[in-house]
Amino acid sequence: MCVCCAAVALSGVASPAVRAAVLWAFRYETSDVVRAEACRAVTLLDLDGTDVIAVLQQRYFVEDSDIVRR
């Protein structure tokens, strides 16, 4: 999944399905490396909206991994 998030981010494709998958990975994935790449994908794809802001805020409060918090 980590490679997938990076590939999606580099592709620049932000379809609704891609957007949902990236946000799901950032929110629920157990691997901190995958969550970090999903966060990077959010930035590189320039995703915005109230749903993105809500996910980022919620994850920030519960995130314990330094890799993701960077």
C-alpha atoms as a PDB file:
ATOM      1  CA  MET A   1       0.000   0.000   0.000  1.00  0.00           C
ATOM      2  CA  CYS A   2       2.865   2.401   0.700  1.00  0.00           C
ATOM      3  CA  VAL A   3       4.047   2.146  -2.882  1.00  0.00           C
ATOM      4  CA  CYS A   4       0.471   2.592  -4.080  1.00  0.00           C
ATOM      5  CA  CYS A   5      -0.002   5.854  -2.176  1.00  0.00           C
ATOM      6  CA  ALA A   6       3.276   7.187  -3.544  1.00  0.00           C
ATOM      7  CA  ALA A   7       2.376   6.151  -7.095  1.00  0.00           C
ATOM      8  CA  VAL A   8      -1.077   7.707  -6.842  1.00  0.00           C
ATOM      9  CA  ALA A   9       0.413  10.933  -5.533  1.00  0.00           C
ATOM     10  CA  LEU A  10       2.934  11.098  -8.350  1.00  0.00           C
ATOM     11  CA  SER A  11       0.269  10.369 -10.965  1.00  0.00           C
ATOM     12  CA  GLY A  12      -1.677  13.458  -9.982  1.00  0.00           C
ATOM     13  CA  VAL A  13      -4.996  11.648 -10.437  1.00  0.00           C
ATOM     14  CA  ALA A  14      -7.498  12.699  -7.796  1.00  0.00           C
ATOM     15  CA  SER A  15     -10.694  10.910  -8.811  1.00  0.00           C
ATOM     16  CA  PRO A  16     -13.342  10.380  -6.119  1.00  0.00           C
ATOM     17  CA  ALA A  17     -12.243   6.742  -5.729  1.00  0.00           C
ATOM     18  CA  VAL A  18      -8.581   7.710  -5.327  1.00  0.00           C
ATOM     19  CA  ARG A  19      -9.509  10.458  -2.886  1.00  0.00           C
ATOM     20  CA  ALA A  20     -11.574   8.042  -0.786  1.00  0.00           C
ATOM     21  CA  ALA A  21      -8.817   5.404  -0.794  1.00  0.00           C
ATOM     22  CA  VAL A  22      -6.104   7.855   0.254  1.00  0.00           C
ATOM     23  CA  LEU A  23      -8.229   9.289   3.046  1.00  0.00           C
ATOM     24  CA  TRP A  24      -9.149   5.785   4.215  1.00  0.00           C
ATOM     25  CA  ALA A  25      -5.478   4.765   4.308  1.00  0.00           C
ATOM     26  CA  PHE A  26      -4.534   7.889   6.239  1.00  0.00           C
ATOM     27  CA  ARG A  27      -7.339   7.396   8.717  1.00  0.00           C
ATOM     28  CA  TYR A  28      -7.440   3.641   9.315  1.00  0.00           C
ATOM     29  CA  GLU A  29      -4.257   1.930   8.094  1.00  0.00           C
ATOM     30  CA  THR A  30      -2.314   0.233  10.889  1.00  0.00           C
ATOM     31  CA  SER A  31       1.099   0.781   9.308  1.00  0.00           C
ATOM     32  CA  ASP A  32       2.593   4.159  10.209  1.00  0.00           C
ATOM     33  CA  VAL A  33       4.612   4.162   6.976  1.00  0.00           C
ATOM     34  CA  VAL A  34       1.429   3.796   4.923  1.00  0.00           C
ATOM     35  CA  ARG A  35      -0.296   6.553   6.907  1.00  0.00           C
ATOM     36  CA  ALA A  36       2.687   8.825   6.286  1.00  0.00           C
ATOM     37  CA  GLU A  37       2.579   8.137   2.534  1.00  0.00           C
ATOM     38  CA  ALA A  38      -1.172   8.702   2.470  1.00  0.00           C
ATOM     39  CA  CYS A  39      -0.643  12.040   4.188  1.00  0.00           C
ATOM     40  CA  ARG A  40       1.994  12.887   1.592  1.00  0.00           C
ATOM     41  CA  ALA A  41      -0.452  11.892  -1.158  1.00  0.00           C
ATOM     42  CA  VAL A  42      -3.051  14.284   0.297  1.00  0.00           C
ATOM     43  CA  THR A  43      -0.505  17.067  -0.016  1.00  0.00           C
ATOM     44  CA  LEU A  44       0.812  16.152  -3.470  1.00  0.00           C
ATOM     45  CA  LEU A  45      -2.689  15.705  -4.888  1.00  0.00           C
ATOM     46  CA  ASP A  46      -3.668  19.021  -3.320  1.00  0.00           C
ATOM     47  CA  LEU A  47      -6.799  17.492  -1.834  1.00  0.00           C
ATOM     48  CA  ASP A  48      -9.005  19.982  -0.078  1.00  0.00           C
ATOM     49  CA  GLY A  49     -12.455  20.209   1.410  1.00  0.00           C
ATOM     50  CA  THR A  50     -14.058  19.916   4.788  1.00  0.00           C
ATOM     51  CA  ASP A  51     -13.783  16.119   4.738  1.00  0.00           C
ATOM     52  CA  VAL A  52     -10.011  16.303   4.205  1.00  0.00           C
ATOM     53  CA  ILE A  53      -9.612  18.884   6.958  1.00  0.00           C
ATOM     54  CA  ALA A  54     -11.685  16.757   9.344  1.00  0.00           C
ATOM     55  CA  VAL A  55      -9.626  13.624   8.644  1.00  0.00           C
ATOM     56  CA  LEU A  56      -6.336  15.492   9.084  1.00  0.00           C
ATOM     57  CA  GLN A  57      -7.468  17.044  12.359  1.00  0.00           C
ATOM     58  CA  GLN A  58      -8.841  13.785  13.745  1.00  0.00           C
ATOM     59  CA  ARG A  59      -5.713  11.846  12.836  1.00  0.00           C
ATOM     60  CA  TYR A  60      -3.436  14.526  14.276  1.00  0.00           C
ATOM     61  CA  PHE A  61      -4.994  14.173  17.711  1.00  0.00           C
ATOM     62  CA  VAL A  62      -4.610  10.397  17.876  1.00  0.00           C
ATOM     63  CA  GLU A  63      -1.385   9.914  15.905  1.00  0.00           C
ATOM     64  CA  ASP A  64       1.490   8.606  17.998  1.00  0.00           C
ATOM     65  CA  SER A  65       4.008   7.930  15.241  1.00  0.00           C
ATOM     66  CA  ASP A  66       6.753  10.487  14.660  1.00  0.00           C
ATOM     67  CA  ILE A  67       6.985   9.329  11.057  1.00  0.00           C
ATOM     68  CA  VAL A  68       3.416  10.423  10.360  1.00  0.00           C
ATOM     69  CA  ARG A  69       3.521  13.578  12.460  1.00  0.00           C
ATOM     70  CA  ARG A  70       6.416  14.951  10.396  1.00  0.00           C
END
